[in-house]
């Protein structure tokens, strides 16, 4: 039996391409329902990835 829980992504609504990379929209992140803590450009949960600089 095939798994039917997969959402079909719609370009320019759920994601778009920038420099050959897929960028998910805020709408997509909200519908996913959780933060992955990867510092996504359109994070719907306010997560900001911190850069650590070595001296």
N, C-alpha and C. Protein backbone atom coordinates (compact mmCIF):
# COMPACT_ATOMS: atom_id res chain seq x y z
N UNK A 1 0.85 -1.18 0.00
CA UNK A 1 0.00 0.00 0.00
C UNK A 1 0.89 1.25 0.00
N UNK A 2 0.56 2.23 -0.78
CA UNK A 2 1.35 3.45 -0.94
C UNK A 2 1.03 4.47 0.16
N UNK A 3 2.09 5.15 0.66
CA UNK A 3 1.91 6.19 1.67
C UNK A 3 1.37 7.46 1.00
N UNK A 4 0.19 7.92 1.42
CA UNK A 4 -0.44 9.10 0.81
C UNK A 4 -0.31 10.34 1.68
N UNK A 5 0.57 10.31 2.70
CA UNK A 5 0.74 11.46 3.60
C UNK A 5 1.70 12.51 3.06
N UNK A 6 2.28 12.30 1.89
CA UNK A 6 3.24 13.24 1.33
C UNK A 6 2.52 14.42 0.69
N UNK A 7 3.00 15.64 1.01
CA UNK A 7 2.42 16.86 0.46
C UNK A 7 3.12 17.19 -0.85
N UNK A 8 2.37 17.57 -1.84
CA UNK A 8 2.94 18.01 -3.10
C UNK A 8 3.34 19.47 -2.94
N UNK A 9 4.61 19.78 -3.19
CA UNK A 9 5.11 21.14 -3.06
C UNK A 9 4.86 21.92 -4.35
N UNK A 10 4.46 23.18 -4.19
CA UNK A 10 4.15 24.04 -5.33
C UNK A 10 5.20 25.14 -5.41
N UNK A 11 5.88 25.19 -6.56
CA UNK A 11 6.92 26.20 -6.76
C UNK A 11 6.34 27.60 -6.66
N UNK A 12 7.06 28.50 -6.03
CA UNK A 12 6.71 29.90 -5.78
C UNK A 12 5.63 30.07 -4.71
N UNK A 13 5.16 28.99 -4.15
CA UNK A 13 4.24 29.06 -3.00
C UNK A 13 4.89 28.39 -1.80
N UNK A 14 5.37 27.16 -1.98
CA UNK A 14 6.04 26.44 -0.90
C UNK A 14 7.56 26.60 -0.95
N UNK A 15 8.08 26.88 -2.12
CA UNK A 15 9.53 27.04 -2.30
C UNK A 15 9.80 27.80 -3.58
N UNK A 16 11.06 28.24 -3.71
CA UNK A 16 11.53 28.83 -4.96
C UNK A 16 13.01 28.47 -5.10
N UNK A 17 13.55 28.65 -6.28
CA UNK A 17 14.96 28.36 -6.52
C UNK A 17 15.75 29.65 -6.53
N UNK A 18 16.90 29.63 -5.85
CA UNK A 18 17.80 30.78 -5.84
C UNK A 18 19.21 30.25 -6.01
N UNK A 19 19.86 30.66 -7.08
CA UNK A 19 21.22 30.19 -7.39
C UNK A 19 21.31 28.67 -7.40
N UNK A 20 20.27 28.03 -7.91
CA UNK A 20 20.25 26.58 -8.03
C UNK A 20 19.86 25.83 -6.76
N UNK A 21 19.57 26.56 -5.68
CA UNK A 21 19.20 25.94 -4.41
C UNK A 21 17.71 26.14 -4.15
N UNK A 22 17.08 25.14 -3.55
CA UNK A 22 15.67 25.22 -3.19
C UNK A 22 15.54 25.95 -1.86
N UNK A 23 14.75 27.03 -1.83
CA UNK A 23 14.54 27.82 -0.62
C UNK A 23 13.06 27.70 -0.25
N UNK A 24 12.82 27.18 0.97
CA UNK A 24 11.44 27.01 1.43
C UNK A 24 10.88 28.34 1.94
N UNK A 25 9.59 28.58 1.70
CA UNK A 25 8.93 29.82 2.12
C UNK A 25 8.46 29.70 3.57
N UNK A 26 8.09 30.84 4.15
CA UNK A 26 7.56 30.84 5.51
C UNK A 26 6.28 30.01 5.58
N UNK A 27 5.47 30.07 4.53
CA UNK A 27 4.23 29.27 4.48
C UNK A 27 4.56 27.79 4.62
N UNK A 28 5.56 27.32 3.90
CA UNK A 28 5.95 25.91 3.99
C UNK A 28 6.36 25.55 5.41
N UNK A 29 7.20 26.40 6.02
CA UNK A 29 7.68 26.13 7.39
C UNK A 29 6.53 26.07 8.38
N UNK A 30 5.58 26.99 8.27
CA UNK A 30 4.42 26.98 9.19
C UNK A 30 3.61 25.70 9.03
N UNK A 31 3.39 25.28 7.80
CA UNK A 31 2.61 24.06 7.56
C UNK A 31 3.35 22.81 8.02
N UNK A 32 4.68 22.85 7.96
CA UNK A 32 5.46 21.71 8.44
C UNK A 32 5.26 21.53 9.94
N UNK A 33 5.18 22.65 10.67
CA UNK A 33 4.79 22.58 12.07
C UNK A 33 5.89 22.57 13.11
N UNK A 34 7.14 22.67 12.71
CA UNK A 34 8.22 22.70 13.69
C UNK A 34 9.46 23.36 13.09
N UNK A 35 10.36 23.78 13.95
CA UNK A 35 11.62 24.41 13.53
C UNK A 35 12.71 23.35 13.47
N UNK A 36 13.46 23.33 12.39
CA UNK A 36 14.55 22.35 12.24
C UNK A 36 15.87 22.89 12.79
N UNK A 37 15.91 24.16 13.18
CA UNK A 37 17.09 24.81 13.76
C UNK A 37 18.29 24.81 12.82
N UNK A 38 18.02 24.94 11.52
CA UNK A 38 19.09 25.05 10.53
C UNK A 38 19.33 26.49 10.10
N UNK A 39 18.58 27.43 10.67
CA UNK A 39 18.75 28.83 10.31
C UNK A 39 18.17 29.16 8.95
N UNK A 40 17.05 28.58 8.63
CA UNK A 40 16.41 28.80 7.33
C UNK A 40 16.10 30.28 7.11
N UNK A 41 16.25 30.73 5.89
CA UNK A 41 16.02 32.13 5.54
C UNK A 41 14.63 32.60 5.93
N UNK A 42 13.62 31.78 5.74
CA UNK A 42 12.23 32.18 6.01
C UNK A 42 11.65 31.42 7.21
N UNK A 43 12.46 31.26 8.26
CA UNK A 43 12.01 30.53 9.45
C UNK A 43 10.77 31.21 10.03
N UNK A 44 9.72 30.44 10.21
CA UNK A 44 8.47 30.97 10.75
C UNK A 44 8.47 30.98 12.27
N UNK A 45 9.55 30.49 12.86
CA UNK A 45 9.60 30.33 14.31
C UNK A 45 10.63 31.25 14.97
N UNK A 46 11.22 32.14 14.19
CA UNK A 46 12.13 33.14 14.75
C UNK A 46 13.52 32.64 15.08
N UNK A 47 13.88 31.43 14.67
CA UNK A 47 15.21 30.90 14.97
C UNK A 47 16.26 31.61 14.12
N UNK A 48 17.31 32.07 14.76
CA UNK A 48 18.43 32.70 14.05
C UNK A 48 19.68 31.89 14.36
N UNK A 49 20.30 31.34 13.33
CA UNK A 49 21.52 30.56 13.51
C UNK A 49 22.64 31.53 13.89
N UNK A 50 23.38 31.18 14.91
CA UNK A 50 24.45 32.04 15.37
C UNK A 50 25.77 31.60 14.76
N UNK A 51 26.52 32.58 14.31
CA UNK A 51 27.84 32.31 13.76
C UNK A 51 28.87 32.47 14.86
N UNK A 52 29.72 31.50 14.99
CA UNK A 52 30.78 31.56 16.00
C UNK A 52 32.08 31.87 15.28
N UNK A 53 32.73 32.96 15.70
CA UNK A 53 33.99 33.36 15.11
C UNK A 53 35.13 32.95 16.03
N UNK A 54 36.14 32.33 15.44
CA UNK A 54 37.33 31.97 16.22
C UNK A 54 38.34 33.09 16.08
N UNK A 55 39.01 33.40 17.18
CA UNK A 55 40.01 34.48 17.18
C UNK A 55 41.39 33.86 17.10
